[in-house]
Amino acid sequence: MPATVEFTESLLDSHLVVDVRTPLEFAEDHLPGAVNVPLLDNDERVEIGTLYKQQGPHLARLRGLEITAARFPDIVAKIAAMAGDRPILVYCWRGGLRSKTVVSILDLCGFQAVQLQGGYKSFRAYVSAYFEPFCPNGPLVVLHGLTGSGKTVFLHRIKTDRYTVVDLEGLAEHRGSAFGALGISQTVNQKHFECLLWDELRKSPRGVPIILEGESKRIGRISLPGNVYEVMKDGIKIWCETSMETRIDRLISEYGKELYRDEMAAALLRIRKKLGGDKYDEIAGYLARWELRPFMKGLLENYYDKVYYKTREWTEDRILSLENYDQAREELENFLQPR
């Protein structure tokens, strides 16, 4: 019997992690840093699964052996080339025959390999449990502010050697607003988003502030897992202020590209009801004439500033001007210094 281990975070740092599931399964989600060396391709897995249901495990296993036996040398060579001197952790969907087979072959060839108990399913349960309830390693510092204030750009300018910086919108592949998908394809799914977020948070040093941007419960199609949203609401609140002119400048710099024009028109149409017919026609006219300053101002005054942070049931712990990013970073670092 091949050696098996329960999932621990240290395995990700000490082992070459090998996912032997199909490319489709791997694309949906996988352990951080894992490499995909599939034992079966997508169609073959369907074939074996159908055979298992219709004619039983014995014939399914014989067919699986027939399909995969000739691949064993290539599989071993690929894994060995990537592993170097590291031990190998192999997993499949739930710690079944696929990972057991690969670990057995590696073991026969003299490699130090172990099978993940429960496979990907056990890892997924581990990640879900991490967010229920969510207990971050350090205090959450949450940047709030009106659309266009530059929070995301500022987030990336904060010194990461002092803090853990988590870009939720970057992980979710969406800017979290009505126009948040412009120029971005939100390919990440819920499971993989949670995996990516878990991986960033688990690396955060204990006691060190974790800085992130205030978000709603949903970012495009992605939802914040567990009670992350509720914990963020109880975090240290930084209100980021910027003048209307600066906000317009920053929105034009980010969104004011001709290739986004059709997407902008489609996004504007989706919020027509909230704008009202007359105001929609006015703003749509600016867009049609590519008059970006009145277009952006109209969006901010008539949509974003009315919908986002319309009411705040909390008082900020610090007001921070983002007119000058470097000055704002210095002020934030002074505010977060241990007292």
Protein backbone atom coordinates (compact mmCIF):
# COMPACT_ATOMS: atom_id res chain seq x y z
CA MET A 1 0.00 0.00 0.00
CA PRO A 2 1.35 3.47 -0.85
CA ALA A 3 2.05 5.85 2.02
CA THR A 4 -0.69 8.41 2.67
CA VAL A 5 -0.69 11.73 4.53
CA GLU A 6 -3.36 14.13 5.75
CA PHE A 7 -3.25 17.62 4.31
CA THR A 8 -1.15 20.20 6.15
CA GLU A 9 -0.02 23.58 4.84
CA SER A 10 3.65 22.62 5.23
CA LEU A 11 3.27 20.03 2.45
CA LEU A 12 2.86 22.85 -0.07
CA ASP A 13 6.30 24.16 0.81
CA SER A 14 8.18 20.89 1.22
CA HIS A 15 6.84 18.71 -1.61
CA LEU A 16 6.32 18.82 -5.35
CA VAL A 17 2.53 18.74 -5.47
CA VAL A 18 1.22 16.67 -8.39
CA ASP A 19 -2.41 16.74 -9.49
CA VAL A 20 -3.18 13.62 -11.55
CA ARG A 21 -6.78 14.60 -12.31
CA THR A 22 -7.94 15.62 -15.78
CA PRO A 23 -7.08 19.04 -17.23
CA LEU A 24 -10.71 20.11 -16.75
CA GLU A 25 -10.68 19.22 -13.06
CA PHE A 26 -7.33 20.97 -12.62
CA ALA A 27 -8.59 24.12 -14.38
CA GLU A 28 -11.58 24.36 -12.03
CA ASP A 29 -9.36 24.43 -8.94
CA HIS A 30 -6.21 22.84 -7.58
CA LEU A 31 -3.82 23.00 -4.66
CA PRO A 32 -1.55 26.09 -4.75
CA GLY A 33 1.61 25.43 -6.73
CA ALA A 34 0.39 22.06 -8.01
CA VAL A 35 1.43 20.76 -11.43
CA ASN A 36 -0.98 18.81 -13.59
CA VAL A 37 0.21 15.40 -14.79
CA PRO A 38 -3.10 13.76 -15.72
CA LEU A 39 -3.44 10.00 -15.66
CA LEU A 40 -6.57 10.21 -17.84
CA ASP A 41 -7.66 12.94 -20.21
CA ASN A 42 -11.13 14.53 -20.02
CA ASP A 43 -12.86 12.12 -22.40
CA GLU A 44 -11.18 9.03 -20.95
CA ARG A 45 -12.39 9.88 -17.46
CA VAL A 46 -15.96 10.09 -18.77
CA GLU A 47 -15.52 6.74 -20.52
CA ILE A 48 -14.16 5.03 -17.39
CA GLY A 49 -16.88 6.55 -15.22
CA THR A 50 -19.61 5.37 -17.56
CA LEU A 51 -18.11 1.89 -17.70
CA TYR A 52 -17.91 1.79 -13.90
CA LYS A 53 -21.60 2.66 -13.54
CA GLN A 54 -22.84 0.35 -16.28
CA GLN A 55 -20.59 -2.70 -15.93
CA GLY A 56 -18.89 -2.38 -12.55
CA PRO A 57 -15.43 -1.61 -11.14
CA HIS A 58 -13.59 -4.67 -12.46
CA LEU A 59 -14.06 -3.90 -16.16
CA ALA A 60 -13.55 -0.19 -15.51
CA ARG A 61 -10.17 -0.87 -13.91
CA LEU A 62 -9.10 -3.18 -16.71
CA ARG A 63 -10.00 -0.52 -19.26
CA GLY A 64 -8.16 2.09 -17.23
CA LEU A 65 -5.04 -0.08 -17.19
CA GLU A 66 -5.33 -0.60 -20.94
CA ILE A 67 -5.49 3.15 -21.52
CA THR A 68 -2.76 4.25 -19.11
CA ALA A 69 -0.12 1.49 -18.90
CA ALA A 70 1.94 2.77 -21.81
CA ARG A 71 2.04 6.25 -20.24
CA PHE A 72 3.68 5.24 -16.96
CA PRO A 73 7.30 5.82 -18.05
CA ASP A 74 6.48 9.29 -19.40
CA ILE A 75 4.51 10.19 -16.27
CA VAL A 76 7.39 9.15 -14.02
CA ALA A 77 9.91 11.05 -16.15
CA LYS A 78 7.84 14.25 -16.09
CA ILE A 79 7.33 14.15 -12.33
CA ALA A 80 10.96 13.27 -11.64
CA ALA A 81 12.21 16.17 -13.77
CA MET A 82 10.11 18.65 -11.82
CA ALA A 83 10.69 17.16 -8.37
CA GLY A 84 14.48 17.30 -8.27
CA ASP A 85 15.44 16.40 -4.71
CA ARG A 86 12.00 17.15 -3.25
CA PRO A 87 9.58 14.47 -2.05
CA ILE A 88 6.37 14.17 -4.06
CA LEU A 89 2.75 14.61 -2.96
CA VAL A 90 0.21 13.13 -5.37
CA TYR A 91 -3.53 13.70 -5.26
CA CYS A 92 -6.67 13.04 -7.31
CA TRP A 93 -10.33 13.83 -6.63
CA ARG A 94 -10.74 11.98 -3.32
CA GLY A 95 -7.60 9.95 -2.75
CA GLY A 96 -8.68 7.06 -4.93
CA LEU A 97 -7.23 4.85 -7.62
CA ARG A 98 -5.65 7.51 -9.83
CA SER A 99 -3.33 8.94 -7.18
CA LYS A 100 -2.77 5.50 -5.63
CA THR A 101 -1.61 4.16 -9.01
CA VAL A 102 0.85 6.99 -9.64
CA VAL A 103 2.29 6.86 -6.11
CA SER A 104 2.75 3.07 -6.42
CA ILE A 105 4.64 3.46 -9.70
CA LEU A 106 6.83 6.26 -8.31
CA ASP A 107 7.55 4.15 -5.24
CA LEU A 108 8.54 1.16 -7.40
CA CYS A 109 10.93 3.44 -9.28
CA GLY A 110 12.61 4.56 -6.06
CA PHE A 111 11.05 7.99 -5.59
CA GLN A 112 9.83 9.34 -2.26
CA ALA A 113 6.13 9.82 -2.95
CA VAL A 114 3.01 9.97 -0.79
CA GLN A 115 -0.70 10.07 -1.54
CA LEU A 116 -2.94 12.82 -0.15
CA GLN A 117 -5.65 11.29 2.02
CA GLY A 118 -9.05 12.31 0.74
CA GLY A 119 -7.49 13.97 -2.30
CA TYR A 120 -8.60 17.37 -3.54
CA LYS A 121 -11.88 16.92 -1.68
CA SER A 122 -10.09 16.99 1.68
CA PHE A 123 -8.13 20.10 0.69
CA ARG A 124 -11.33 21.82 -0.38
CA ALA A 125 -12.91 21.05 2.99
CA TYR A 126 -9.81 22.48 4.71
CA VAL A 127 -10.11 25.76 2.76
CA SER A 128 -13.85 26.05 3.43
CA ALA A 129 -13.30 25.50 7.15
CA TYR A 130 -10.65 28.26 7.20
CA PHE A 131 -13.32 30.84 6.37
CA GLU A 132 -15.93 29.46 8.81
CA PRO A 133 -15.26 31.32 11.02
CA PHE A 134 -12.56 33.54 9.52
CA CYS A 135 -9.83 34.38 12.04
CA PRO A 136 -7.09 36.38 10.23
CA ASN A 137 -3.50 36.30 11.45
CA GLY A 138 -3.45 40.07 11.91
CA PRO A 139 -5.81 43.06 12.13
CA LEU A 140 -7.69 43.87 8.93
CA VAL A 141 -7.14 47.40 7.62
CA VAL A 142 -9.89 48.16 5.12
CA LEU A 143 -9.62 50.97 2.57
CA HIS A 144 -12.98 52.59 1.81
CA GLY A 145 -13.75 55.46 -0.52
CA LEU A 146 -15.78 56.65 -3.47
CA THR A 147 -15.27 55.25 -6.97
CA GLY A 148 -12.24 56.72 -8.73
CA SER A 149 -10.42 57.71 -5.56
CA GLY A 150 -7.50 55.44 -6.47
CA LYS A 151 -7.78 52.82 -3.73
CA THR A 152 -6.56 49.90 -5.86
CA VAL A 153 -3.54 51.79 -7.21
CA PHE A 154 -2.72 52.93 -3.68
CA LEU A 155 -3.07 49.39 -2.38
CA HIS A 156 -0.28 48.27 -4.71
CA ARG A 157 1.99 51.08 -3.57
CA ILE A 158 1.93 50.11 0.09
CA LYS A 159 5.17 48.56 1.34
CA THR A 160 4.57 44.85 1.38
CA ASP A 161 7.58 44.13 3.59
CA ARG A 162 5.71 45.73 6.48
CA TYR A 163 2.19 44.53 5.76
CA THR A 164 0.23 41.82 4.03
CA VAL A 165 -1.55 43.40 1.06
CA VAL A 166 -4.46 41.45 -0.47
CA ASP A 167 -6.00 42.62 -3.75
CA LEU A 168 -9.47 41.07 -3.65
CA GLU A 169 -10.45 42.55 -7.02
CA GLY A 170 -7.27 41.21 -8.59
CA LEU A 171 -7.94 37.72 -7.27
CA ALA A 172 -11.57 37.92 -8.42
CA GLU A 173 -10.61 39.34 -11.85
CA HIS A 174 -13.23 42.07 -11.49
CA ARG A 175 -13.21 45.66 -10.24
CA GLY A 176 -16.38 45.14 -8.25
CA SER A 177 -18.66 47.73 -9.89
CA ALA A 178 -21.10 48.15 -12.76
CA PHE A 179 -18.16 48.90 -15.06
CA GLY A 180 -15.84 46.52 -13.21
CA ALA A 181 -15.47 43.98 -16.02
CA LEU A 182 -14.14 46.45 -18.63
CA GLY A 183 -11.09 44.94 -20.29
CA ILE A 184 -11.12 41.99 -17.90
CA SER A 185 -12.35 38.45 -18.42
CA GLN A 186 -13.57 37.02 -15.11
CA THR A 187 -12.48 33.44 -15.72
CA VAL A 188 -11.81 32.54 -12.08
CA ASN A 189 -14.55 30.49 -10.41
CA GLN A 190 -15.69 30.55 -6.80
CA LYS A 191 -13.62 27.57 -5.69
CA HIS A 192 -10.38 28.81 -7.18
CA PHE A 193 -10.95 32.33 -5.84
CA GLU A 194 -11.29 30.91 -2.35
CA CYS A 195 -8.14 28.84 -2.86
CA LEU A 196 -6.16 31.90 -4.04
CA LEU A 197 -7.46 34.02 -1.15
CA TRP A 198 -6.68 31.29 1.38
CA ASP A 199 -3.15 30.94 0.00
CA GLU A 200 -2.47 34.67 0.36
CA LEU A 201 -3.93 34.90 3.86
CA ARG A 202 -2.26 31.77 5.21
CA LYS A 203 1.16 33.27 4.36
CA SER A 204 0.50 36.44 6.34
CA PRO A 205 2.79 36.75 9.40
CA ARG A 206 0.99 36.61 12.72
CA GLY A 207 0.22 40.02 14.19
CA VAL A 208 1.04 41.94 10.99
CA PRO A 209 -1.77 44.15 9.58
CA ILE A 210 -3.58 42.84 6.50
CA ILE A 211 -4.54 45.69 4.17
CA LEU A 212 -7.33 45.25 1.63
CA GLU A 213 -9.95 47.25 -0.17
CA GLY A 214 -13.51 47.50 1.07
CA GLU A 215 -15.83 45.43 -1.10
CA SER A 216 -19.44 44.40 -1.16
CA LYS A 217 -20.31 40.77 -0.46
CA ARG A 218 -20.00 40.05 -4.20
CA ILE A 219 -17.25 40.98 -6.66
CA GLY A 220 -18.75 40.31 -10.08
CA ARG A 221 -19.81 36.66 -10.00
CA ILE A 222 -17.59 35.89 -6.99
CA SER A 223 -18.75 35.98 -3.36
CA LEU A 224 -16.52 36.57 -0.36
CA PRO A 225 -16.39 33.20 1.44
CA GLY A 226 -17.59 32.37 4.94
CA ASN A 227 -17.83 35.40 7.20
CA VAL A 228 -14.95 37.34 5.58
CA TYR A 229 -17.30 40.22 4.76
CA GLU A 230 -18.50 40.45 8.36
CA VAL A 231 -14.93 40.40 9.72
CA MET A 232 -13.96 43.13 7.25
CA LYS A 233 -16.85 45.26 8.55
CA ASP A 234 -15.29 45.04 12.02
CA GLY A 235 -11.80 45.94 10.76
CA ILE A 236 -9.85 49.21 10.98
CA LYS A 237 -11.65 51.57 8.59
CA ILE A 238 -9.69 54.02 6.44
CA TRP A 239 -11.77 56.54 4.48
CA CYS A 240 -9.91 57.58 1.32
CA GLU A 241 -10.73 61.08 0.07
CA THR A 242 -9.97 62.52 -3.36
CA SER A 243 -11.33 65.55 -5.22
CA MET A 244 -13.90 65.13 -7.96
CA GLU A 245 -11.42 66.35 -10.60
CA THR A 246 -8.80 63.82 -9.54
CA ARG A 247 -11.37 61.03 -9.53
CA ILE A 248 -12.41 61.94 -13.07
CA ASP A 249 -8.77 62.01 -14.18
CA ARG A 250 -8.13 58.58 -12.70
CA LEU A 251 -11.25 57.03 -14.21
CA ILE A 252 -10.36 58.40 -17.64
CA SER A 253 -6.84 57.04 -17.27
CA GLU A 254 -8.20 53.57 -16.38
CA TYR A 255 -11.31 53.28 -18.53
CA GLY A 256 -10.99 55.95 -21.23
CA LYS A 257 -9.81 53.64 -23.98
CA GLU A 258 -11.48 53.34 -27.38
CA LEU A 259 -11.41 49.56 -27.22
CA TYR A 260 -13.68 49.73 -24.12
CA ARG A 261 -16.23 51.93 -25.86
CA ASP A 262 -18.79 49.24 -26.71
CA GLU A 263 -18.42 47.60 -23.29
CA MET A 264 -18.95 50.99 -21.63
CA ALA A 265 -22.14 51.53 -23.62
CA ALA A 266 -23.41 48.06 -22.64
CA ALA A 267 -22.56 48.67 -18.96
CA LEU A 268 -24.31 52.04 -19.08
CA LEU A 269 -27.42 50.43 -20.55
CA ARG A 270 -27.54 47.97 -17.62
CA ILE A 271 -27.91 50.85 -15.14
CA ARG A 272 -30.41 52.83 -17.24
CA LYS A 273 -33.26 52.28 -14.76
CA LYS A 274 -31.21 53.56 -11.84
CA LEU A 275 -30.15 56.64 -13.79
CA GLY A 276 -33.60 57.42 -15.15
CA GLY A 277 -34.37 57.90 -18.82
CA ASP A 278 -33.42 61.59 -19.19
CA LYS A 279 -30.16 61.29 -17.26
CA TYR A 280 -29.28 58.11 -19.12
CA ASP A 281 -29.79 59.87 -22.46
CA GLU A 282 -27.61 62.77 -21.34
CA ILE A 283 -24.73 60.54 -20.17
CA ALA A 284 -25.06 58.20 -23.15
CA GLY A 285 -24.76 61.27 -25.38
CA TYR A 286 -21.45 62.19 -23.76
CA LEU A 287 -20.21 58.67 -24.40
CA ALA A 288 -21.38 58.66 -28.01
CA ARG A 289 -19.46 61.91 -28.59
CA TRP A 290 -16.49 60.56 -26.58
CA GLU A 291 -16.68 63.50 -24.19
CA LEU A 292 -15.09 61.64 -21.32
CA ARG A 293 -14.94 64.32 -18.63
CA PRO A 294 -18.69 65.06 -18.54
CA PHE A 295 -19.36 61.33 -19.06
CA MET A 296 -17.31 60.33 -16.01
CA LYS A 297 -18.66 63.20 -13.92
CA GLY A 298 -22.21 62.25 -14.83
CA LEU A 299 -21.58 58.64 -13.80
CA LEU A 300 -20.02 59.64 -10.49
CA GLU A 301 -22.66 62.18 -9.50
CA ASN A 302 -25.72 60.29 -10.71
CA TYR A 303 -24.81 56.68 -10.11
CA TYR A 304 -21.69 55.75 -8.16
CA ASP A 305 -21.91 58.42 -5.45
CA LYS A 306 -25.60 57.62 -4.92
CA VAL A 307 -25.30 53.83 -4.94
CA TYR A 308 -21.97 53.19 -3.19
CA TYR A 309 -21.52 54.42 0.37
CA LYS A 310 -24.93 56.14 0.14
CA THR A 311 -25.22 55.54 3.85
CA ARG A 312 -22.42 54.68 6.23
CA GLU A 313 -23.42 53.17 9.54
CA TRP A 314 -19.88 53.49 10.85
CA THR A 315 -17.27 56.10 11.62
CA GLU A 316 -13.86 55.80 10.00
CA ASP A 317 -10.78 55.32 12.16
CA ARG A 318 -8.75 57.55 9.85
CA ILE A 319 -9.37 59.89 6.91
CA LEU A 320 -6.66 59.65 4.28
CA SER A 321 -6.25 61.92 1.27
CA LEU A 322 -5.19 60.00 -1.83
CA GLU A 323 -4.35 63.10 -3.87
CA ASN A 324 -0.70 62.17 -3.40
CA TYR A 325 -0.07 58.43 -3.13
CA ASP A 326 3.40 58.70 -1.57
CA GLN A 327 2.22 61.11 1.11
CA ALA A 328 -0.82 58.94 1.81
CA ARG A 329 1.37 55.86 2.19
CA GLU A 330 3.58 57.65 4.71
CA GLU A 331 0.55 58.84 6.68
CA LEU A 332 -0.96 55.35 6.72
CA GLU A 333 2.31 53.78 7.87
CA ASN A 334 2.58 56.32 10.71
CA PHE A 335 -1.02 55.59 11.72
CA LEU A 336 -0.39 51.83 11.77
CA GLN A 337 2.83 52.05 13.78
CA PRO A 338 2.55 50.05 17.02
CA ARG A 339 1.78 52.33 19.91
